[in-house]
């Protein structure tokens, strides 16, 4: 879950940078593609295996 939150934090920073209204975290996670979800899950598993 921390990977999703760090990705969301980056999204918030970019929204602020370009003066865009961000969506909330719930909708952000729901809008991730299957490929993005798989990448986040793989990264989380690799991080947990150290």
PDB file of N, CA and C in Angstrom:
ATOM      1  N   UNK A   1       0.822  -1.189   0.000  1.00  0.00           N
ATOM      2  CA  UNK A   1       0.000   0.000   0.000  1.00  0.00           C
ATOM      3  C   UNK A   1       0.868   1.256   0.000  1.00  0.00           C
ATOM      4  N   UNK A   2       2.038   1.183   0.576  1.00  0.00           N
ATOM      5  CA  UNK A   2       2.898   2.368   0.613  1.00  0.00           C
ATOM      6  C   UNK A   2       3.327   2.791  -0.783  1.00  0.00           C
ATOM      7  N   UNK A   3       3.441   1.812  -1.720  1.00  0.00           N
ATOM      8  CA  UNK A   3       3.780   2.168  -3.103  1.00  0.00           C
ATOM      9  C   UNK A   3       2.647   2.970  -3.733  1.00  0.00           C
ATOM     10  N   UNK A   4       1.423   2.586  -3.443  1.00  0.00           N
ATOM     11  CA  UNK A   4       0.292   3.333  -3.979  1.00  0.00           C
ATOM     12  C   UNK A   4       0.293   4.751  -3.413  1.00  0.00           C
ATOM     13  N   UNK A   5       0.582   4.871  -2.133  1.00  0.00           N
ATOM     14  CA  UNK A   5       0.571   6.185  -1.496  1.00  0.00           C
ATOM     15  C   UNK A   5       1.709   7.061  -1.996  1.00  0.00           C
ATOM     16  N   UNK A   6       2.872   6.479  -2.248  1.00  0.00           N
ATOM     17  CA  UNK A   6       3.973   7.293  -2.776  1.00  0.00           C
ATOM     18  C   UNK A   6       3.661   7.715  -4.209  1.00  0.00           C
ATOM     19  N   UNK A   7       3.033   6.847  -4.985  1.00  0.00           N
ATOM     20  CA  UNK A   7       2.602   7.215  -6.328  1.00  0.00           C
ATOM     21  C   UNK A   7       1.553   8.309  -6.291  1.00  0.00           C
ATOM     22  N   UNK A   8       0.645   8.219  -5.338  1.00  0.00           N
ATOM     23  CA  UNK A   8      -0.396   9.233  -5.184  1.00  0.00           C
ATOM     24  C   UNK A   8       0.216  10.565  -4.774  1.00  0.00           C
ATOM     25  N   UNK A   9       1.206  10.515  -3.912  1.00  0.00           N
ATOM     26  CA  UNK A   9       1.872  11.744  -3.482  1.00  0.00           C
ATOM     27  C   UNK A   9       2.534  12.434  -4.681  1.00  0.00           C
ATOM     28  N   UNK A  10       3.183  11.658  -5.541  1.00  0.00           N
ATOM     29  CA  UNK A  10       3.789  12.199  -6.749  1.00  0.00           C
ATOM     30  C   UNK A  10       2.706  12.821  -7.642  1.00  0.00           C
ATOM     31  N   UNK A  11       1.587  12.129  -7.779  1.00  0.00           N
ATOM     32  CA  UNK A  11       0.447  12.630  -8.553  1.00  0.00           C
ATOM     33  C   UNK A  11      -0.027  13.973  -7.986  1.00  0.00           C
ATOM     34  N   UNK A  12      -0.150  14.080  -6.674  1.00  0.00           N
ATOM     35  CA  UNK A  12      -0.582  15.333  -6.051  1.00  0.00           C
ATOM     36  C   UNK A  12       0.393  16.472  -6.341  1.00  0.00           C
ATOM     37  N   UNK A  13       1.688  16.164  -6.272  1.00  0.00           N
ATOM     38  CA  UNK A  13       2.696  17.187  -6.555  1.00  0.00           C
ATOM     39  C   UNK A  13       2.587  17.687  -7.994  1.00  0.00           C
ATOM     40  N   UNK A  14       2.359  16.768  -8.935  1.00  0.00           N
ATOM     41  CA  UNK A  14       2.221  17.162 -10.345  1.00  0.00           C
ATOM     42  C   UNK A  14       0.934  17.951 -10.568  1.00  0.00           C
ATOM     43  N   UNK A  15      -0.141  17.571  -9.903  1.00  0.00           N
ATOM     44  CA  UNK A  15      -1.384  18.342 -10.017  1.00  0.00           C
ATOM     45  C   UNK A  15      -1.157  19.768  -9.531  1.00  0.00           C
ATOM     46  N   UNK A  16      -0.465  19.905  -8.414  1.00  0.00           N
ATOM     47  CA  UNK A  16      -0.175  21.230  -7.882  1.00  0.00           C
ATOM     48  C   UNK A  16       0.721  22.011  -8.846  1.00  0.00           C
ATOM     49  N   UNK A  17       1.722  21.352  -9.395  1.00  0.00           N
ATOM     50  CA  UNK A  17       2.657  21.993 -10.319  1.00  0.00           C
ATOM     51  C   UNK A  17       1.931  22.552 -11.547  1.00  0.00           C
ATOM     52  N   UNK A  18       0.951  21.811 -12.055  1.00  0.00           N
ATOM     53  CA  UNK A  18       0.248  22.222 -13.267  1.00  0.00           C
ATOM     54  C   UNK A  18      -1.134  22.828 -12.980  1.00  0.00           C
ATOM     55  N   UNK A  19      -1.384  23.154 -11.705  1.00  0.00           N
ATOM     56  CA  UNK A  19      -2.624  23.792 -11.272  1.00  0.00           C
ATOM     57  C   UNK A  19      -3.859  22.984 -11.695  1.00  0.00           C
ATOM     58  N   UNK A  20      -3.822  21.681 -11.414  1.00  0.00           N
ATOM     59  CA  UNK A  20      -4.933  20.784 -11.706  1.00  0.00           C
ATOM     60  C   UNK A  20      -5.595  20.342 -10.412  1.00  0.00           C
ATOM     61  N   UNK A  21      -6.861  20.043 -10.473  1.00  0.00           N
ATOM     62  CA  UNK A  21      -7.597  19.546  -9.309  1.00  0.00           C
ATOM     63  C   UNK A  21      -7.412  18.032  -9.217  1.00  0.00           C
ATOM     64  N   UNK A  22      -6.782  17.531  -8.150  1.00  0.00           N
ATOM     65  CA  UNK A  22      -6.559  16.084  -8.048  1.00  0.00           C
ATOM     66  C   UNK A  22      -7.821  15.343  -7.626  1.00  0.00           C
ATOM     67  N   UNK A  23      -7.870  14.053  -7.956  1.00  0.00           N
ATOM     68  CA  UNK A  23      -8.925  13.175  -7.461  1.00  0.00           C
ATOM     69  C   UNK A  23      -8.459  12.587  -6.134  1.00  0.00           C
ATOM     70  N   UNK A  24      -9.382  12.062  -5.348  1.00  0.00           N
ATOM     71  CA  UNK A  24      -8.976  11.507  -4.056  1.00  0.00           C
ATOM     72  C   UNK A  24      -8.291  10.147  -4.239  1.00  0.00           C
ATOM     73  N   UNK A  25      -7.689   9.668  -3.183  1.00  0.00           N
ATOM     74  CA  UNK A  25      -6.884   8.443  -3.226  1.00  0.00           C
ATOM     75  C   UNK A  25      -7.698   7.238  -3.696  1.00  0.00           C
ATOM     76  N   UNK A  26      -8.928   7.122  -3.234  1.00  0.00           N
ATOM     77  CA  UNK A  26      -9.784   5.991  -3.612  1.00  0.00           C
ATOM     78  C   UNK A  26      -9.950   5.924  -5.128  1.00  0.00           C
ATOM     79  N   UNK A  27     -10.276   7.040  -5.742  1.00  0.00           N
ATOM     80  CA  UNK A  27     -10.470   7.062  -7.201  1.00  0.00           C
ATOM     81  C   UNK A  27      -9.154   6.894  -7.938  1.00  0.00           C
ATOM     82  N   UNK A  28      -8.079   7.429  -7.364  1.00  0.00           N
ATOM     83  CA  UNK A  28      -6.755   7.267  -7.964  1.00  0.00           C
ATOM     84  C   UNK A  28      -6.408   5.785  -8.094  1.00  0.00           C
ATOM     85  N   UNK A  29      -6.572   5.025  -7.041  1.00  0.00           N
ATOM     86  CA  UNK A  29      -6.247   3.591  -7.060  1.00  0.00           C
ATOM     87  C   UNK A  29      -7.180   2.846  -8.012  1.00  0.00           C
ATOM     88  N   UNK A  30      -8.452   3.214  -8.023  1.00  0.00           N
ATOM     89  CA  UNK A  30      -9.413   2.558  -8.918  1.00  0.00           C
ATOM     90  C   UNK A  30      -9.128   2.831 -10.388  1.00  0.00           C
ATOM     91  N   UNK A  31      -8.438   3.907 -10.693  1.00  0.00           N
ATOM     92  CA  UNK A  31      -8.158   4.260 -12.077  1.00  0.00           C
ATOM     93  C   UNK A  31      -6.831   3.691 -12.587  1.00  0.00           C
ATOM     94  N   UNK A  32      -6.081   3.020 -11.722  1.00  0.00           N
ATOM     95  CA  UNK A  32      -4.814   2.422 -12.165  1.00  0.00           C
ATOM     96  C   UNK A  32      -5.099   1.290 -13.147  1.00  0.00           C
ATOM     97  N   UNK A  33      -4.263   1.174 -14.145  1.00  0.00           N
ATOM     98  CA  UNK A  33      -4.424   0.091 -15.118  1.00  0.00           C
ATOM     99  C   UNK A  33      -3.950  -1.224 -14.492  1.00  0.00           C
ATOM    100  N   UNK A  34      -4.319  -2.321 -15.110  1.00  0.00           N
ATOM    101  CA  UNK A  34      -3.878  -3.638 -14.637  1.00  0.00           C
ATOM    102  C   UNK A  34      -2.356  -3.715 -14.654  1.00  0.00           C
ATOM    103  N   UNK A  35      -1.750  -3.147 -15.680  1.00  0.00           N
ATOM    104  CA  UNK A  35      -0.279  -3.139 -15.793  1.00  0.00           C
ATOM    105  C   UNK A  35       0.351  -2.362 -14.639  1.00  0.00           C
ATOM    106  N   UNK A  36      -0.231  -1.216 -14.293  1.00  0.00           N
ATOM    107  CA  UNK A  36       0.289  -0.434 -13.170  1.00  0.00           C
ATOM    108  C   UNK A  36       0.131  -1.195 -11.857  1.00  0.00           C
ATOM    109  N   UNK A  37      -1.012  -1.827 -11.654  1.00  0.00           N
ATOM    110  CA  UNK A  37      -1.227  -2.598 -10.427  1.00  0.00           C
ATOM    111  C   UNK A  37      -0.225  -3.745 -10.311  1.00  0.00           C
ATOM    112  N   UNK A  38       0.020  -4.445 -11.414  1.00  0.00           N
ATOM    113  CA  UNK A  38       0.992  -5.542 -11.409  1.00  0.00           C
ATOM    114  C   UNK A  38       2.387  -5.024 -11.094  1.00  0.00           C
ATOM    115  N   UNK A  39       2.761  -3.887 -11.661  1.00  0.00           N
ATOM    116  CA  UNK A  39       4.081  -3.307 -11.390  1.00  0.00           C
ATOM    117  C   UNK A  39       4.218  -2.963  -9.911  1.00  0.00           C
ATOM    118  N   UNK A  40       3.194  -2.307  -9.350  1.00  0.00           N
ATOM    119  CA  UNK A  40       3.238  -1.954  -7.934  1.00  0.00           C
ATOM    120  C   UNK A  40       3.343  -3.201  -7.060  1.00  0.00           C
ATOM    121  N   UNK A  41       2.591  -4.232  -7.386  1.00  0.00           N
ATOM    122  CA  UNK A  41       2.626  -5.463  -6.602  1.00  0.00           C
ATOM    123  C   UNK A  41       3.983  -6.154  -6.698  1.00  0.00           C
ATOM    124  N   UNK A  42       4.578  -6.182  -7.899  1.00  0.00           N
ATOM    125  CA  UNK A  42       5.912  -6.768  -8.063  1.00  0.00           C
ATOM    126  C   UNK A  42       6.946  -5.977  -7.277  1.00  0.00           C
ATOM    127  N   UNK A  43       6.861  -4.654  -7.341  1.00  0.00           N
ATOM    128  CA  UNK A  43       7.808  -3.810  -6.609  1.00  0.00           C
ATOM    129  C   UNK A  43       7.674  -4.026  -5.099  1.00  0.00           C
ATOM    130  N   UNK A  44       6.436  -4.170  -4.625  1.00  0.00           N
ATOM    131  CA  UNK A  44       6.213  -4.407  -3.206  1.00  0.00           C
ATOM    132  C   UNK A  44       6.774  -5.752  -2.764  1.00  0.00           C
ATOM    133  N   UNK A  45       6.619  -6.769  -3.605  1.00  0.00           N
ATOM    134  CA  UNK A  45       7.147  -8.091  -3.278  1.00  0.00           C
ATOM    135  C   UNK A  45       8.676  -8.069  -3.257  1.00  0.00           C
ATOM    136  N   UNK A  46       9.286  -7.377  -4.207  1.00  0.00           N
ATOM    137  CA  UNK A  46      10.742  -7.291  -4.247  1.00  0.00           C
ATOM    138  C   UNK A  46      11.277  -6.540  -3.027  1.00  0.00           C
ATOM    139  N   UNK A  47      10.582  -5.485  -2.648  1.00  0.00           N
ATOM    140  CA  UNK A  47      10.993  -4.705  -1.493  1.00  0.00           C
ATOM    141  C   UNK A  47      10.885  -5.522  -0.215  1.00  0.00           C
ATOM    142  N   UNK A  48       9.861  -6.348  -0.124  1.00  0.00           N
ATOM    143  CA  UNK A  48       9.647  -7.175   1.056  1.00  0.00           C
ATOM    144  C   UNK A  48      10.568  -8.364   1.147  1.00  0.00           C
ATOM    145  N   UNK A  49      11.255  -8.718   0.063  1.00  0.00           N
ATOM    146  CA  UNK A  49      12.097  -9.914   0.072  1.00  0.00           C
ATOM    147  C   UNK A  49      13.535  -9.625   0.497  1.00  0.00           C
ATOM    148  N   UNK A  50      13.859  -8.389   0.807  1.00  0.00           N
ATOM    149  CA  UNK A  50      15.246  -8.065   1.207  1.00  0.00           C
ATOM    150  C   UNK A  50      15.548  -8.508   2.588  1.00  0.00           C
TER     151      UNK A  50
END
